[in-house]
Amino acid sequence: MMRHPVTPPKHPGYQQTAQLGLFTALASILGYIETLFPVFAGIPGIKLGLANLAVLFILIRYSWQKAALVSIARIIIIGAMFGSMFSILYSTAGAALSLAAMTLVLARTDFSIITVSVIGGVTHNIGQLLIAMALMETGSLIYYAPALLISGVVTGILIGALTGELLKRLR
Protein backbone atom coordinates (compact mmCIF):
# COMPACT_ATOMS: atom_id res chain seq x y z
CA MET A 1 0.00 0.00 0.00
CA MET A 2 1.46 3.31 -1.09
CA ARG A 3 1.11 6.27 1.22
CA HIS A 4 0.47 9.72 -0.12
CA PRO A 5 2.06 12.67 1.60
CA VAL A 6 -0.29 14.72 3.68
CA THR A 7 -0.81 18.10 2.14
CA PRO A 8 -1.94 20.94 4.35
CA PRO A 9 -5.29 22.48 3.55
CA LYS A 10 -5.13 25.43 1.19
CA HIS A 11 -5.64 28.49 3.30
CA PRO A 12 -4.19 31.89 2.44
CA GLY A 13 -3.33 32.67 6.05
CA TYR A 14 -0.98 29.71 6.48
CA GLN A 15 1.75 31.10 4.28
CA GLN A 16 1.53 34.49 5.96
CA THR A 17 1.61 32.94 9.45
CA ALA A 18 4.62 30.86 8.44
CA GLN A 19 6.42 33.95 7.13
CA LEU A 20 5.66 35.89 10.31
CA GLY A 21 7.04 33.03 12.38
CA LEU A 22 10.08 32.75 10.15
CA PHE A 23 10.82 36.46 10.38
CA THR A 24 10.29 36.47 14.15
CA ALA A 25 12.85 33.68 14.40
CA LEU A 26 15.18 35.53 12.03
CA ALA A 27 14.87 38.73 14.06
CA SER A 28 15.63 36.79 17.24
CA ILE A 29 18.68 35.11 15.70
CA LEU A 30 19.98 38.43 14.35
CA GLY A 31 19.38 40.00 17.77
CA TYR A 32 21.36 37.18 19.36
CA ILE A 33 24.22 37.68 16.90
CA GLU A 34 24.35 41.34 17.93
CA THR A 35 24.74 40.35 21.59
CA LEU A 36 27.96 38.54 20.64
CA PHE A 37 29.57 41.84 19.69
CA PRO A 38 30.51 44.24 22.44
CA VAL A 39 29.42 47.84 22.26
CA PHE A 40 29.57 49.04 18.66
CA ALA A 41 31.70 52.15 17.99
CA GLY A 42 32.60 52.46 21.67
CA ILE A 43 29.34 54.21 22.56
CA PRO A 44 26.85 52.41 24.81
CA GLY A 45 23.60 51.49 23.09
CA ILE A 46 24.82 51.65 19.51
CA LYS A 47 24.17 48.49 17.52
CA LEU A 48 23.64 47.65 13.87
CA GLY A 49 19.97 46.87 14.47
CA LEU A 50 20.04 43.74 12.33
CA ALA A 51 16.80 42.47 13.89
CA ASN A 52 15.04 45.49 12.44
CA LEU A 53 15.56 44.03 8.97
CA ALA A 54 12.80 41.52 9.71
CA VAL A 55 10.49 44.20 11.11
CA LEU A 56 10.98 46.49 8.10
CA PHE A 57 10.40 43.58 5.71
CA ILE A 58 7.10 42.67 7.44
CA LEU A 59 6.05 46.34 7.56
CA ILE A 60 6.48 46.68 3.82
CA ARG A 61 5.20 43.22 2.86
CA TYR A 62 2.19 43.05 5.22
CA SER A 63 1.17 45.78 7.68
CA TRP A 64 2.25 47.81 10.66
CA GLN A 65 0.19 45.55 12.95
CA LYS A 66 2.06 42.43 11.84
CA ALA A 67 5.38 44.29 12.02
CA ALA A 68 4.49 45.30 15.58
CA LEU A 69 3.81 41.65 16.48
CA VAL A 70 7.18 40.56 15.09
CA SER A 71 8.89 43.46 16.84
CA ILE A 72 7.27 42.75 20.22
CA ALA A 73 8.01 39.04 19.94
CA ARG A 74 11.67 39.60 19.11
CA ILE A 75 12.07 42.17 21.90
CA ILE A 76 10.64 39.77 24.47
CA ILE A 77 12.64 36.79 23.18
CA ILE A 78 15.96 38.65 22.96
CA GLY A 79 15.36 40.53 26.21
CA ALA A 80 14.42 37.40 28.15
CA MET A 81 17.35 35.41 26.84
CA PHE A 82 20.15 37.96 26.71
CA GLY A 83 19.02 41.17 28.35
CA SER A 84 17.14 42.58 31.27
CA MET A 85 13.94 44.42 32.03
CA PHE A 86 15.74 47.65 31.16
CA SER A 87 16.88 46.36 27.77
CA ILE A 88 13.29 45.33 27.04
CA LEU A 89 12.07 48.78 28.07
CA TYR A 90 14.68 50.59 25.94
CA SER A 91 14.03 48.34 22.96
CA THR A 92 10.27 48.76 23.25
CA ALA A 93 10.51 52.56 23.37
CA GLY A 94 12.82 52.68 20.37
CA ALA A 95 10.84 50.11 18.39
CA ALA A 96 7.48 51.81 19.04
CA LEU A 97 8.68 55.24 17.95
CA SER A 98 10.53 53.78 14.98
CA LEU A 99 7.59 51.71 13.77
CA ALA A 100 5.21 54.64 14.14
CA ALA A 101 7.52 56.94 12.16
CA MET A 102 8.15 54.40 9.39
CA THR A 103 4.44 53.63 9.13
CA LEU A 104 3.57 57.32 8.76
CA VAL A 105 6.30 57.89 6.19
CA LEU A 106 5.26 54.86 4.14
CA ALA A 107 1.61 55.92 4.20
CA ARG A 108 2.20 59.50 3.15
CA THR A 109 5.23 59.57 0.88
CA ASP A 110 7.03 57.78 -1.91
CA PHE A 111 10.36 57.68 -0.09
CA SER A 112 12.74 54.85 -0.88
CA ILE A 113 13.07 51.90 1.46
CA ILE A 114 16.50 53.20 2.48
CA THR A 115 15.04 56.59 3.47
CA VAL A 116 12.26 54.87 5.43
CA SER A 117 14.86 52.72 7.17
CA VAL A 118 17.01 55.75 8.02
CA ILE A 119 13.97 57.44 9.55
CA GLY A 120 13.35 54.24 11.50
CA GLY A 121 16.96 54.04 12.70
CA VAL A 122 17.08 57.67 13.80
CA THR A 123 13.71 57.57 15.57
CA HIS A 124 14.62 54.27 17.26
CA ASN A 125 17.66 55.94 18.78
CA ILE A 126 15.64 59.01 19.76
CA GLY A 127 13.09 56.77 21.51
CA GLN A 128 15.82 55.02 23.45
CA LEU A 129 17.46 58.31 24.37
CA LEU A 130 14.16 59.75 25.60
CA ILE A 131 13.40 56.71 27.76
CA ALA A 132 16.95 56.78 29.18
CA MET A 133 16.59 60.46 30.06
CA ALA A 134 13.23 59.78 31.73
CA LEU A 135 14.44 56.76 33.69
CA MET A 136 17.62 58.45 34.84
CA GLU A 137 15.81 61.73 35.41
CA THR A 138 18.47 63.77 33.68
CA GLY A 139 18.70 65.75 30.50
CA SER A 140 22.48 65.46 30.44
CA LEU A 141 22.25 62.33 28.30
CA ILE A 142 21.41 64.59 25.36
CA TYR A 143 25.14 64.72 24.62
CA TYR A 144 24.70 61.21 23.16
CA ALA A 145 22.28 62.59 20.55
CA PRO A 146 24.79 63.44 17.78
CA ALA A 147 26.43 60.01 17.93
CA LEU A 148 23.05 58.27 18.09
CA LEU A 149 21.68 60.27 15.17
CA ILE A 150 24.72 59.54 13.02
CA SER A 151 24.58 55.83 13.90
CA GLY A 152 20.85 55.81 13.10
CA VAL A 153 21.57 57.16 9.63
CA VAL A 154 24.43 54.73 8.97
CA THR A 155 22.62 51.65 10.27
CA GLY A 156 19.39 52.77 8.58
CA ILE A 157 21.17 52.83 5.23
CA LEU A 158 22.56 49.35 5.82
CA ILE A 159 19.27 47.83 7.03
CA GLY A 160 17.31 49.56 4.24
CA ALA A 161 19.67 48.25 1.56
CA LEU A 162 19.57 44.71 2.98
CA THR A 163 15.78 44.79 3.27
CA GLY A 164 15.49 46.05 -0.30
CA GLU A 165 17.59 43.15 -1.53
CA LEU A 166 15.54 40.70 0.51
CA LEU A 167 12.30 42.07 -0.92
CA LYS A 168 13.64 41.71 -4.47
CA ARG A 169 14.70 38.13 -3.92
CA LEU A 170 11.54 36.99 -2.11
CA ARG A 171 8.98 38.35 -4.58
C-alpha atoms as a PDB file:
ATOM      1  CA  MET A   1       0.000   0.000   0.000  1.00  0.00           C
ATOM      2  CA  MET A   2       1.461   3.313  -1.089  1.00  0.00           C
ATOM      3  CA  ARG A   3       1.110   6.272   1.223  1.00  0.00           C
ATOM      4  CA  HIS A   4       0.468   9.717  -0.116  1.00  0.00           C
ATOM      5  CA  PRO A   5       2.061  12.665   1.599  1.00  0.00           C
ATOM      6  CA  VAL A   6      -0.288  14.721   3.677  1.00  0.00           C
ATOM      7  CA  THR A   7      -0.812  18.098   2.135  1.00  0.00           C
ATOM      8  CA  PRO A   8      -1.940  20.937   4.353  1.00  0.00           C
ATOM      9  CA  PRO A   9      -5.289  22.483   3.546  1.00  0.00           C
ATOM     10  CA  LYS A  10      -5.135  25.427   1.189  1.00  0.00           C
ATOM     11  CA  HIS A  11      -5.644  28.487   3.298  1.00  0.00           C
ATOM     12  CA  PRO A  12      -4.193  31.894   2.436  1.00  0.00           C
ATOM     13  CA  GLY A  13      -3.331  32.674   6.046  1.00  0.00           C
ATOM     14  CA  TYR A  14      -0.976  29.708   6.480  1.00  0.00           C
ATOM     15  CA  GLN A  15       1.748  31.102   4.282  1.00  0.00           C
ATOM     16  CA  GLN A  16       1.534  34.493   5.963  1.00  0.00           C
ATOM     17  CA  THR A  17       1.611  32.938   9.447  1.00  0.00           C
ATOM     18  CA  ALA A  18       4.617  30.858   8.441  1.00  0.00           C
ATOM     19  CA  GLN A  19       6.421  33.945   7.130  1.00  0.00           C
ATOM     20  CA  LEU A  20       5.662  35.893  10.310  1.00  0.00           C
ATOM     21  CA  GLY A  21       7.044  33.027  12.376  1.00  0.00           C
ATOM     22  CA  LEU A  22      10.081  32.748  10.152  1.00  0.00           C
ATOM     23  CA  PHE A  23      10.824  36.461  10.380  1.00  0.00           C
ATOM     24  CA  THR A  24      10.287  36.468  14.150  1.00  0.00           C
ATOM     25  CA  ALA A  25      12.852  33.675  14.403  1.00  0.00           C
ATOM     26  CA  LEU A  26      15.177  35.530  12.025  1.00  0.00           C
ATOM     27  CA  ALA A  27      14.867  38.730  14.064  1.00  0.00           C
ATOM     28  CA  SER A  28      15.632  36.785  17.244  1.00  0.00           C
ATOM     29  CA  ILE A  29      18.680  35.115  15.698  1.00  0.00           C
ATOM     30  CA  LEU A  30      19.977  38.431  14.351  1.00  0.00           C
ATOM     31  CA  GLY A  31      19.384  40.000  17.767  1.00  0.00           C
ATOM     32  CA  TYR A  32      21.365  37.182  19.357  1.00  0.00           C
ATOM     33  CA  ILE A  33      24.216  37.682  16.898  1.00  0.00           C
ATOM     34  CA  GLU A  34      24.354  41.341  17.931  1.00  0.00           C
ATOM     35  CA  THR A  35      24.735  40.348  21.589  1.00  0.00           C
ATOM     36  CA  LEU A  36      27.962  38.543  20.643  1.00  0.00           C
ATOM     37  CA  PHE A  37      29.574  41.836  19.690  1.00  0.00           C
ATOM     38  CA  PRO A  38      30.509  44.243  22.441  1.00  0.00           C
ATOM     39  CA  VAL A  39      29.419  47.842  22.260  1.00  0.00           C
ATOM     40  CA  PHE A  40      29.566  49.039  18.656  1.00  0.00           C
ATOM     41  CA  ALA A  41      31.695  52.151  17.995  1.00  0.00           C
ATOM     42  CA  GLY A  42      32.602  52.462  21.666  1.00  0.00           C
ATOM     43  CA  ILE A  43      29.343  54.210  22.557  1.00  0.00           C
ATOM     44  CA  PRO A  44      26.849  52.408  24.811  1.00  0.00           C
ATOM     45  CA  GLY A  45      23.602  51.488  23.090  1.00  0.00           C
ATOM     46  CA  ILE A  46      24.815  51.647  19.511  1.00  0.00           C
ATOM     47  CA  LYS A  47      24.169  48.485  17.515  1.00  0.00           C
ATOM     48  CA  LEU A  48      23.636  47.647  13.875  1.00  0.00           C
ATOM     49  CA  GLY A  49      19.974  46.866  14.468  1.00  0.00           C
ATOM     50  CA  LEU A  50      20.040  43.735  12.327  1.00  0.00           C
ATOM     51  CA  ALA A  51      16.805  42.469  13.892  1.00  0.00           C
ATOM     52  CA  ASN A  52      15.037  45.494  12.437  1.00  0.00           C
ATOM     53  CA  LEU A  53      15.562  44.031   8.966  1.00  0.00           C
ATOM     54  CA  ALA A  54      12.798  41.521   9.713  1.00  0.00           C
ATOM     55  CA  VAL A  55      10.494  44.197  11.109  1.00  0.00           C
ATOM     56  CA  LEU A  56      10.982  46.486   8.100  1.00  0.00           C
ATOM     57  CA  PHE A  57      10.399  43.577   5.712  1.00  0.00           C
ATOM     58  CA  ILE A  58       7.102  42.673   7.436  1.00  0.00           C
ATOM     59  CA  LEU A  59       6.050  46.339   7.564  1.00  0.00           C
ATOM     60  CA  ILE A  60       6.480  46.675   3.817  1.00  0.00           C
ATOM     61  CA  ARG A  61       5.202  43.224   2.859  1.00  0.00           C
ATOM     62  CA  TYR A  62       2.195  43.054   5.216  1.00  0.00           C
ATOM     63  CA  SER A  63       1.174  45.778   7.684  1.00  0.00           C
ATOM     64  CA  TRP A  64       2.252  47.812  10.664  1.00  0.00           C
ATOM     65  CA  GLN A  65       0.192  45.547  12.949  1.00  0.00           C
ATOM     66  CA  LYS A  66       2.056  42.434  11.836  1.00  0.00           C
ATOM     67  CA  ALA A  67       5.377  44.294  12.017  1.00  0.00           C
ATOM     68  CA  ALA A  68       4.486  45.303  15.584  1.00  0.00           C
ATOM     69  CA  LEU A  69       3.810  41.653  16.479  1.00  0.00           C
ATOM     70  CA  VAL A  70       7.179  40.562  15.090  1.00  0.00           C
ATOM     71  CA  SER A  71       8.889  43.460  16.843  1.00  0.00           C
ATOM     72  CA  ILE A  72       7.265  42.753  20.220  1.00  0.00           C
ATOM     73  CA  ALA A  73       8.011  39.035  19.944  1.00  0.00           C
ATOM     74  CA  ARG A  74      11.673  39.603  19.114  1.00  0.00           C
ATOM     75  CA  ILE A  75      12.075  42.175  21.902  1.00  0.00           C
ATOM     76  CA  ILE A  76      10.640  39.766  24.465  1.00  0.00           C
ATOM     77  CA  ILE A  77      12.639  36.790  23.176  1.00  0.00           C
ATOM     78  CA  ILE A  78      15.956  38.648  22.959  1.00  0.00           C
ATOM     79  CA  GLY A  79      15.357  40.533  26.210  1.00  0.00           C
ATOM     80  CA  ALA A  80      14.416  37.403  28.151  1.00  0.00           C
ATOM     81  CA  MET A  81      17.352  35.407  26.835  1.00  0.00           C
ATOM     82  CA  PHE A  82      20.147  37.961  26.710  1.00  0.00           C
ATOM     83  CA  GLY A  83      19.018  41.167  28.350  1.00  0.00           C
ATOM     84  CA  SER A  84      17.137  42.578  31.266  1.00  0.00           C
ATOM     85  CA  MET A  85      13.941  44.417  32.027  1.00  0.00           C
ATOM     86  CA  PHE A  86      15.740  47.653  31.162  1.00  0.00           C
ATOM     87  CA  SER A  87      16.879  46.363  27.767  1.00  0.00           C
ATOM     88  CA  ILE A  88      13.285  45.327  27.039  1.00  0.00           C
ATOM     89  CA  LEU A  89      12.072  48.783  28.065  1.00  0.00           C
ATOM     90  CA  TYR A  90      14.681  50.593  25.944  1.00  0.00           C
ATOM     91  CA  SER A  91      14.028  48.345  22.956  1.00  0.00           C
ATOM     92  CA  THR A  92      10.271  48.761  23.253  1.00  0.00           C
ATOM     93  CA  ALA A  93      10.506  52.558  23.370  1.00  0.00           C
ATOM     94  CA  GLY A  94      12.816  52.677  20.366  1.00  0.00           C
ATOM     95  CA  ALA A  95      10.836  50.111  18.389  1.00  0.00           C
ATOM     96  CA  ALA A  96       7.479  51.807  19.045  1.00  0.00           C
ATOM     97  CA  LEU A  97       8.675  55.243  17.945  1.00  0.00           C
ATOM     98  CA  SER A  98      10.535  53.781  14.980  1.00  0.00           C
ATOM     99  CA  LEU A  99       7.590  51.707  13.769  1.00  0.00           C
ATOM    100  CA  ALA A 100       5.210  54.639  14.145  1.00  0.00           C
ATOM    101  CA  ALA A 101       7.517  56.941  12.162  1.00  0.00           C
ATOM    102  CA  MET A 102       8.150  54.405   9.395  1.00  0.00           C
ATOM    103  CA  THR A 103       4.435  53.631   9.127  1.00  0.00           C
ATOM    104  CA  LEU A 104       3.567  57.315   8.760  1.00  0.00           C
ATOM    105  CA  VAL A 105       6.300  57.887   6.193  1.00  0.00           C
ATOM    106  CA  LEU A 106       5.263  54.855   4.136  1.00  0.00           C
ATOM    107  CA  ALA A 107       1.606  55.921   4.199  1.00  0.00           C
ATOM    108  CA  ARG A 108       2.202  59.505   3.152  1.00  0.00           C
ATOM    109  CA  THR A 109       5.233  59.572   0.876  1.00  0.00           C
ATOM    110  CA  ASP A 110       7.030  57.778  -1.908  1.00  0.00           C
ATOM    111  CA  PHE A 111      10.359  57.676  -0.086  1.00  0.00           C
ATOM    112  CA  SER A 112      12.740  54.845  -0.885  1.00  0.00           C
ATOM    113  CA  ILE A 113      13.072  51.903   1.457  1.00  0.00           C
ATOM    114  CA  ILE A 114      16.496  53.203   2.483  1.00  0.00           C
ATOM    115  CA  THR A 115      15.037  56.587   3.469  1.00  0.00           C
ATOM    116  CA  VAL A 116      12.258  54.869   5.428  1.00  0.00           C
ATOM    117  CA  SER A 117      14.861  52.723   7.169  1.00  0.00           C
ATOM    118  CA  VAL A 118      17.014  55.754   8.024  1.00  0.00           C
ATOM    119  CA  ILE A 119      13.971  57.442   9.547  1.00  0.00           C
ATOM    120  CA  GLY A 120      13.354  54.241  11.503  1.00  0.00           C
ATOM    121  CA  GLY A 121      16.963  54.043  12.698  1.00  0.00           C
ATOM    122  CA  VAL A 122      17.083  57.673  13.804  1.00  0.00           C
ATOM    123  CA  THR A 123      13.713  57.569  15.572  1.00  0.00           C
ATOM    124  CA  HIS A 124      14.617  54.272  17.256  1.00  0.00           C
ATOM    125  CA  ASN A 125      17.662  55.939  18.780  1.00  0.00           C
ATOM    126  CA  ILE A 126      15.639  59.010  19.760  1.00  0.00           C
ATOM    127  CA  GLY A 127      13.087  56.767  21.507  1.00  0.00           C
ATOM    128  CA  GLN A 128      15.821  55.017  23.448  1.00  0.00           C
ATOM    129  CA  LEU A 129      17.459  58.307  24.370  1.00  0.00           C
ATOM    130  CA  LEU A 130      14.155  59.748  25.601  1.00  0.00           C
ATOM    131  CA  ILE A 131      13.403  56.709  27.762  1.00  0.00           C
ATOM    132  CA  ALA A 132      16.946  56.775  29.176  1.00  0.00           C
ATOM    133  CA  MET A 133      16.586  60.461  30.056  1.00  0.00           C
ATOM    134  CA  ALA A 134      13.231  59.784  31.726  1.00  0.00           C
ATOM    135  CA  LEU A 135      14.436  56.759  33.690  1.00  0.00           C
ATOM    136  CA  MET A 136      17.625  58.452  34.842  1.00  0.00           C
ATOM    137  CA  GLU A 137      15.812  61.731  35.408  1.00  0.00           C
ATOM    138  CA  THR A 138      18.469  63.772  33.682  1.00  0.00           C
ATOM    139  CA  GLY A 139      18.697  65.752  30.498  1.00  0.00           C
ATOM    140  CA  SER A 140      22.478  65.464  30.439  1.00  0.00           C
ATOM    141  CA  LEU A 141      22.247  62.333  28.296  1.00  0.00           C
ATOM    142  CA  ILE A 142      21.409  64.586  25.365  1.00  0.00           C
ATOM    143  CA  TYR A 143      25.138  64.720  24.624  1.00  0.00           C
ATOM    144  CA  TYR A 144      24.695  61.211  23.162  1.00  0.00           C
ATOM    145  CA  ALA A 145      22.277  62.588  20.553  1.00  0.00           C
ATOM    146  CA  PRO A 146      24.790  63.439  17.783  1.00  0.00           C
ATOM    147  CA  ALA A 147      26.427  60.008  17.926  1.00  0.00           C
ATOM    148  CA  LEU A 148      23.053  58.266  18.089  1.00  0.00           C
ATOM    149  CA  LEU A 149      21.676  60.272  15.172  1.00  0.00           C
ATOM    150  CA  ILE A 150      24.723  59.536  13.019  1.00  0.00           C
ATOM    151  CA  SER A 151      24.579  55.835  13.897  1.00  0.00           C
ATOM    152  CA  GLY A 152      20.851  55.809  13.102  1.00  0.00           C
ATOM    153  CA  VAL A 153      21.571  57.162   9.630  1.00  0.00           C
ATOM    154  CA  VAL A 154      24.430  54.731   8.973  1.00  0.00           C
ATOM    155  CA  THR A 155      22.621  51.652  10.270  1.00  0.00           C
ATOM    156  CA  GLY A 156      19.390  52.773   8.585  1.00  0.00           C
ATOM    157  CA  ILE A 157      21.167  52.829   5.230  1.00  0.00           C
ATOM    158  CA  LEU A 158      22.562  49.349   5.823  1.00  0.00           C
ATOM    159  CA  ILE A 159      19.269  47.827   7.026  1.00  0.00           C
ATOM    160  CA  GLY A 160      17.313  49.564   4.239  1.00  0.00           C
ATOM    161  CA  ALA A 161      19.669  48.253   1.565  1.00  0.00           C
ATOM    162  CA  LEU A 162      19.572  44.710   2.981  1.00  0.00           C
ATOM    163  CA  THR A 163      15.776  44.787   3.270  1.00  0.00           C
ATOM    164  CA  GLY A 164      15.487  46.054  -0.297  1.00  0.00           C
ATOM    165  CA  GLU A 165      17.591  43.148  -1.527  1.00  0.00           C
ATOM    166  CA  LEU A 166      15.542  40.699   0.509  1.00  0.00           C
ATOM    167  CA  LEU A 167      12.297  42.068  -0.924  1.00  0.00           C
ATOM    168  CA  LYS A 168      13.638  41.714  -4.473  1.00  0.00           C
ATOM    169  CA  ARG A 169      14.705  38.129  -3.916  1.00  0.00           C
ATOM    170  CA  LEU A 170      11.540  36.992  -2.107  1.00  0.00           C
ATOM    171  CA  ARG A 171       8.980  38.351  -4.575  1.00  0.00           C
END
